[in-house]
Amino acid sequence: MKKCIFLDRDGVLNIERGEYTYKIEDFELETKVPEALAILKKAGYLLIIITNQAGIAKGLYQKEEVLACFQKLQNLSNNAIDQMYFSPHHPIKTESLTRKPDSLMFEKAIAKYNIDLSKSWMIGDKERDIIPAQKLGIKGIRISSSSSETLAEYVAKNLFDASQYIVNGKKT
């Protein structure tokens, strides 16, 4: 079985702009993301993105734009990501168990890659990222600038801080 880091996209890998990020020119990585991904990869983790992309359901952008941003991330991080799952749904148009806080995207990845949940982590910036992970027995890390109450095991400043916590068991 394989160990895995599940990653939310906006606010973890790329800068959360407060609006939908789908144009390549607006897709900017958070601080030290390539370094953090390299650390996790070297430690033997699969890296899988699990992201809601409701702007597709709302007609604001197409899946091709999400894939173009993913390719930019891959280019900037030495192709570190093993897979990306995204939910194009939103309750205003379609209900779906793929949309976080539901867990179907996780379950698909777990089945495809034979993932050991006890050795895996979810890193997200919102509770809706942590909820499905916890439901499945996956430890959570929340990216936040405050220490607000969370279901996550650890609150990190950014992905690099989270990677240090996972690999070294300590805060940066």
C-alpha atoms as a PDB file:
ATOM      1  CA  MET A   1       0.000   0.000   0.000  1.00  0.00           C
ATOM      2  CA  LYS A   2       1.104   3.558  -0.719  1.00  0.00           C
ATOM      3  CA  LYS A   3       1.142   6.631   1.467  1.00  0.00           C
ATOM      4  CA  CYS A   4      -0.341   9.794   0.013  1.00  0.00           C
ATOM      5  CA  ILE A   5      -0.611  13.524   0.516  1.00  0.00           C
ATOM      6  CA  PHE A   6      -3.966  14.813  -0.678  1.00  0.00           C
ATOM      7  CA  LEU A   7      -3.798  18.514  -1.512  1.00  0.00           C
ATOM      8  CA  ASP A   8      -6.438  21.140  -1.949  1.00  0.00           C
ATOM      9  CA  ARG A   9      -5.510  23.559  -4.737  1.00  0.00           C
ATOM     10  CA  ASP A  10      -6.540  27.186  -4.065  1.00  0.00           C
ATOM     11  CA  GLY A  11      -4.963  28.521  -0.872  1.00  0.00           C
ATOM     12  CA  VAL A  12      -2.574  25.572  -0.566  1.00  0.00           C
ATOM     13  CA  LEU A  13      -0.753  25.238  -3.893  1.00  0.00           C
ATOM     14  CA  ASN A  14      -1.682  28.539  -5.502  1.00  0.00           C
ATOM     15  CA  ILE A  15      -2.538  31.911  -4.033  1.00  0.00           C
ATOM     16  CA  GLU A  16      -6.164  32.257  -2.944  1.00  0.00           C
ATOM     17  CA  ARG A  17      -7.315  35.395  -4.749  1.00  0.00           C
ATOM     18  CA  GLY A  18     -10.830  35.589  -3.305  1.00  0.00           C
ATOM     19  CA  GLU A  19     -12.276  34.844  -6.723  1.00  0.00           C
ATOM     20  CA  TYR A  20     -12.057  31.935  -9.137  1.00  0.00           C
ATOM     21  CA  THR A  21      -8.556  31.246 -10.419  1.00  0.00           C
ATOM     22  CA  TYR A  22      -8.710  29.745 -13.885  1.00  0.00           C
ATOM     23  CA  LYS A  23      -6.541  31.953 -16.110  1.00  0.00           C
ATOM     24  CA  ILE A  24      -2.912  30.880 -16.372  1.00  0.00           C
ATOM     25  CA  GLU A  25      -1.719  34.449 -15.805  1.00  0.00           C
ATOM     26  CA  ASP A  26      -3.625  34.565 -12.478  1.00  0.00           C
ATOM     27  CA  PHE A  27      -2.359  31.163 -11.306  1.00  0.00           C
ATOM     28  CA  GLU A  28       0.552  31.968  -8.959  1.00  0.00           C
ATOM     29  CA  LEU A  29       2.089  29.448  -6.601  1.00  0.00           C
ATOM     30  CA  GLU A  30       2.175  30.003  -2.857  1.00  0.00           C
ATOM     31  CA  THR A  31       5.621  30.456  -1.250  1.00  0.00           C
ATOM     32  CA  LYS A  32       7.991  27.468  -1.504  1.00  0.00           C
ATOM     33  CA  VAL A  33       5.436  25.116  -3.093  1.00  0.00           C
ATOM     34  CA  PRO A  34       7.943  23.385  -5.434  1.00  0.00           C
ATOM     35  CA  GLU A  35      10.319  22.845  -2.502  1.00  0.00           C
ATOM     36  CA  ALA A  36       7.529  21.446  -0.303  1.00  0.00           C
ATOM     37  CA  LEU A  37       6.346  19.081  -3.030  1.00  0.00           C
ATOM     38  CA  ALA A  38       9.931  17.882  -3.587  1.00  0.00           C
ATOM     39  CA  ILE A  39      10.322  17.159   0.153  1.00  0.00           C
ATOM     40  CA  LEU A  40       7.103  15.138   0.234  1.00  0.00           C
ATOM     41  CA  LYS A  41       7.999  13.283  -2.966  1.00  0.00           C
ATOM     42  CA  LYS A  42      11.463  12.418  -1.608  1.00  0.00           C
ATOM     43  CA  ALA A  43       9.772  11.050   1.530  1.00  0.00           C
ATOM     44  CA  GLY A  44       7.885   8.601  -0.698  1.00  0.00           C
ATOM     45  CA  TYR A  45       4.414  10.139  -0.812  1.00  0.00           C
ATOM     46  CA  LEU A  46       2.046  10.109  -3.747  1.00  0.00           C
ATOM     47  CA  LEU A  47       0.800  13.669  -4.330  1.00  0.00           C
ATOM     48  CA  ILE A  48      -2.846  13.960  -5.358  1.00  0.00           C
ATOM     49  CA  ILE A  49      -4.864  17.147  -5.763  1.00  0.00           C
ATOM     50  CA  ILE A  50      -8.511  17.045  -4.630  1.00  0.00           C
ATOM     51  CA  THR A  51     -10.242  20.291  -5.612  1.00  0.00           C
ATOM     52  CA  ASN A  52     -13.719  21.722  -6.068  1.00  0.00           C
ATOM     53  CA  GLN A  53     -14.003  23.727  -9.283  1.00  0.00           C
ATOM     54  CA  ALA A  54     -17.550  25.079  -9.054  1.00  0.00           C
ATOM     55  CA  GLY A  55     -16.850  27.793 -11.628  1.00  0.00           C
ATOM     56  CA  ILE A  56     -17.308  25.127 -14.312  1.00  0.00           C
ATOM     57  CA  ALA A  57     -20.898  24.408 -13.184  1.00  0.00           C
ATOM     58  CA  LYS A  58     -21.517  28.149 -12.976  1.00  0.00           C
ATOM     59  CA  GLY A  59     -20.350  28.594 -16.572  1.00  0.00           C
ATOM     60  CA  LEU A  60     -17.449  30.894 -15.626  1.00  0.00           C
ATOM     61  CA  TYR A  61     -14.729  28.717 -17.154  1.00  0.00           C
ATOM     62  CA  GLN A  62     -14.115  25.329 -18.764  1.00  0.00           C
ATOM     63  CA  LYS A  63     -12.297  22.215 -17.556  1.00  0.00           C
ATOM     64  CA  GLU A  64      -9.554  22.931 -20.121  1.00  0.00           C
ATOM     65  CA  GLU A  65      -8.628  26.059 -18.158  1.00  0.00           C
ATOM     66  CA  VAL A  66      -8.355  24.010 -14.940  1.00  0.00           C
ATOM     67  CA  LEU A  67      -6.120  21.555 -16.791  1.00  0.00           C
ATOM     68  CA  ALA A  68      -3.963  24.402 -18.153  1.00  0.00           C
ATOM     69  CA  CYS A  69      -3.399  25.705 -14.606  1.00  0.00           C
ATOM     70  CA  PHE A  70      -2.543  22.156 -13.536  1.00  0.00           C
ATOM     71  CA  GLN A  71       0.014  21.938 -16.323  1.00  0.00           C
ATOM     72  CA  LYS A  72       1.562  25.227 -15.188  1.00  0.00           C
ATOM     73  CA  LEU A  73       1.848  23.788 -11.662  1.00  0.00           C
ATOM     74  CA  GLN A  74       3.479  20.653 -13.066  1.00  0.00           C
ATOM     75  CA  ASN A  75       5.952  22.727 -15.095  1.00  0.00           C
ATOM     76  CA  LEU A  76       6.906  24.795 -12.035  1.00  0.00           C
ATOM     77  CA  SER A  77       7.243  21.777  -9.711  1.00  0.00           C
ATOM     78  CA  ASN A  78       9.140  19.235 -11.812  1.00  0.00           C
ATOM     79  CA  ASN A  79       5.946  17.231 -12.481  1.00  0.00           C
ATOM     80  CA  ALA A  80       5.609  16.374  -8.784  1.00  0.00           C
ATOM     81  CA  ILE A  81       1.841  15.794  -8.772  1.00  0.00           C
ATOM     82  CA  ASP A  82       0.745  12.226  -9.513  1.00  0.00           C
ATOM     83  CA  GLN A  83      -2.934  12.939 -10.172  1.00  0.00           C
ATOM     84  CA  MET A  84      -5.521  15.681  -9.983  1.00  0.00           C
ATOM     85  CA  TYR A  85      -9.183  15.065  -9.237  1.00  0.00           C
ATOM     86  CA  PHE A  86     -11.596  17.961  -9.558  1.00  0.00           C
ATOM     87  CA  SER A  87     -15.306  18.297  -9.064  1.00  0.00           C
ATOM     88  CA  PRO A  88     -16.935  20.563 -11.668  1.00  0.00           C
ATOM     89  CA  HIS A  89     -20.230  20.602  -9.732  1.00  0.00           C
ATOM     90  CA  HIS A  90     -22.052  23.131  -7.597  1.00  0.00           C
ATOM     91  CA  PRO A  91     -25.418  22.696  -5.823  1.00  0.00           C
ATOM     92  CA  ILE A  92     -26.958  25.555  -7.835  1.00  0.00           C
ATOM     93  CA  LYS A  93     -26.720  23.315 -10.899  1.00  0.00           C
ATOM     94  CA  THR A  94     -25.899  19.731  -9.915  1.00  0.00           C
ATOM     95  CA  GLU A  95     -25.442  17.801  -6.673  1.00  0.00           C
ATOM     96  CA  SER A  96     -22.471  15.457  -6.527  1.00  0.00           C
ATOM     97  CA  LEU A  97     -20.727  13.244  -3.997  1.00  0.00           C
ATOM     98  CA  THR A  98     -17.439  14.283  -5.616  1.00  0.00           C
ATOM     99  CA  ARG A  99     -17.754  17.793  -4.245  1.00  0.00           C
ATOM    100  CA  LYS A 100     -16.011  18.350  -0.891  1.00  0.00           C
ATOM    101  CA  PRO A 101     -17.000  17.971   1.931  1.00  0.00           C
ATOM    102  CA  ASP A 102     -18.152  14.662   0.400  1.00  0.00           C
ATOM    103  CA  SER A 103     -15.485  12.058  -0.160  1.00  0.00           C
ATOM    104  CA  LEU A 104     -15.947  10.434  -3.576  1.00  0.00           C
ATOM    105  CA  MET A 105     -12.828  12.043  -5.137  1.00  0.00           C
ATOM    106  CA  PHE A 106     -10.777  10.662  -2.243  1.00  0.00           C
ATOM    107  CA  GLU A 107     -12.386   7.239  -2.578  1.00  0.00           C
ATOM    108  CA  LYS A 108     -11.574   7.083  -6.301  1.00  0.00           C
ATOM    109  CA  ALA A 109      -7.913   7.886  -5.614  1.00  0.00           C
ATOM    110  CA  ILE A 110      -7.733   5.407  -2.733  1.00  0.00           C
ATOM    111  CA  ALA A 111      -9.068   2.609  -4.944  1.00  0.00           C
ATOM    112  CA  LYS A 112      -6.891   3.477  -7.956  1.00  0.00           C
ATOM    113  CA  TYR A 113      -3.609   3.849  -6.049  1.00  0.00           C
ATOM    114  CA  ASN A 114      -4.125   1.359  -3.173  1.00  0.00           C
ATOM    115  CA  ILE A 115      -3.557   4.074  -0.564  1.00  0.00           C
ATOM    116  CA  ASP A 116      -2.794   3.352   3.090  1.00  0.00           C
ATOM    117  CA  LEU A 117      -5.079   5.792   4.906  1.00  0.00           C
ATOM    118  CA  SER A 118      -3.212   5.487   8.207  1.00  0.00           C
ATOM    119  CA  LYS A 119      -0.039   6.869   6.575  1.00  0.00           C
ATOM    120  CA  SER A 120      -1.745   9.569   4.522  1.00  0.00           C
ATOM    121  CA  TRP A 121      -2.567  13.257   5.014  1.00  0.00           C
ATOM    122  CA  MET A 122      -4.942  15.872   3.627  1.00  0.00           C
ATOM    123  CA  ILE A 123      -3.682  19.446   3.436  1.00  0.00           C
ATOM    124  CA  GLY A 124      -6.353  22.074   2.920  1.00  0.00           C
ATOM    125  CA  ASP A 125      -7.190  25.639   3.830  1.00  0.00           C
ATOM    126  CA  LYS A 126     -10.849  25.086   4.719  1.00  0.00           C
ATOM    127  CA  GLU A 127     -12.725  22.741   7.027  1.00  0.00           C
ATOM    128  CA  ARG A 128     -14.548  21.277   4.008  1.00  0.00           C
ATOM    129  CA  ASP A 129     -11.137  19.893   2.955  1.00  0.00           C
ATOM    130  CA  ILE A 130     -10.538  18.256   6.332  1.00  0.00           C
ATOM    131  CA  ILE A 131     -14.044  16.810   6.900  1.00  0.00           C
ATOM    132  CA  PRO A 132     -13.960  14.077   4.210  1.00  0.00           C
ATOM    133  CA  ALA A 133     -10.385  13.151   5.111  1.00  0.00           C
ATOM    134  CA  GLN A 134     -11.306  12.715   8.767  1.00  0.00           C
ATOM    135  CA  LYS A 135     -14.361  10.657   7.771  1.00  0.00           C
ATOM    136  CA  LEU A 136     -12.032   8.273   5.914  1.00  0.00           C
ATOM    137  CA  GLY A 137      -9.391   8.118   8.659  1.00  0.00           C
ATOM    138  CA  ILE A 138      -6.878  10.415   6.947  1.00  0.00           C
ATOM    139  CA  LYS A 139      -5.004  12.909   9.157  1.00  0.00           C
ATOM    140  CA  GLY A 140      -5.513  16.566   8.294  1.00  0.00           C
ATOM    141  CA  ILE A 141      -3.410  19.703   8.224  1.00  0.00           C
ATOM    142  CA  ARG A 142      -5.080  23.049   7.778  1.00  0.00           C
ATOM    143  CA  ILE A 143      -3.277  25.964   6.166  1.00  0.00           C
ATOM    144  CA  SER A 144      -4.280  29.082   8.075  1.00  0.00           C
ATOM    145  CA  SER A 145      -2.825  32.295   9.418  1.00  0.00           C
ATOM    146  CA  SER A 146      -4.904  31.921  12.591  1.00  0.00           C
ATOM    147  CA  SER A 147      -5.202  29.107  15.094  1.00  0.00           C
ATOM    148  CA  SER A 148      -8.978  28.884  14.853  1.00  0.00           C
ATOM    149  CA  GLU A 149     -10.684  25.685  15.939  1.00  0.00           C
ATOM    150  CA  THR A 150     -10.266  22.915  13.397  1.00  0.00           C
ATOM    151  CA  LEU A 151     -10.657  19.179  12.931  1.00  0.00           C
ATOM    152  CA  ALA A 152      -7.090  19.086  11.617  1.00  0.00           C
ATOM    153  CA  GLU A 153      -4.227  17.618  13.621  1.00  0.00           C
ATOM    154  CA  TYR A 154      -2.011  20.614  12.890  1.00  0.00           C
ATOM    155  CA  VAL A 155      -2.411  24.189  11.642  1.00  0.00           C
ATOM    156  CA  ALA A 156       0.409  25.197   9.276  1.00  0.00           C
ATOM    157  CA  LYS A 157       1.452  28.587   7.889  1.00  0.00           C
ATOM    158  CA  ASN A 158       1.847  27.174   4.385  1.00  0.00           C
ATOM    159  CA  LEU A 159       2.575  23.972   2.469  1.00  0.00           C
ATOM    160  CA  PHE A 160       6.293  24.129   3.261  1.00  0.00           C
ATOM    161  CA  ASP A 161       5.515  24.270   7.001  1.00  0.00           C
ATOM    162  CA  ALA A 162       3.096  21.339   6.561  1.00  0.00           C
ATOM    163  CA  SER A 163       5.725  19.311   4.681  1.00  0.00           C
ATOM    164  CA  GLN A 164       8.212  19.837   7.517  1.00  0.00           C
ATOM    165  CA  TYR A 165       5.631  18.726  10.064  1.00  0.00           C
ATOM    166  CA  ILE A 166       4.814  15.565   8.108  1.00  0.00           C
ATOM    167  CA  VAL A 167       8.390  14.540   7.314  1.00  0.00           C
ATOM    168  CA  ASN A 168      10.158  15.675  10.479  1.00  0.00           C
ATOM    169  CA  GLY A 169       7.286  15.618  12.966  1.00  0.00           C
ATOM    170  CA  LYS A 170       7.961  19.189  13.998  1.00  0.00           C
ATOM    171  CA  LYS A 171       6.913  22.747  13.381  1.00  0.00           C
ATOM    172  CA  THR A 172       9.056  25.156  11.390  1.00  0.00           C
END
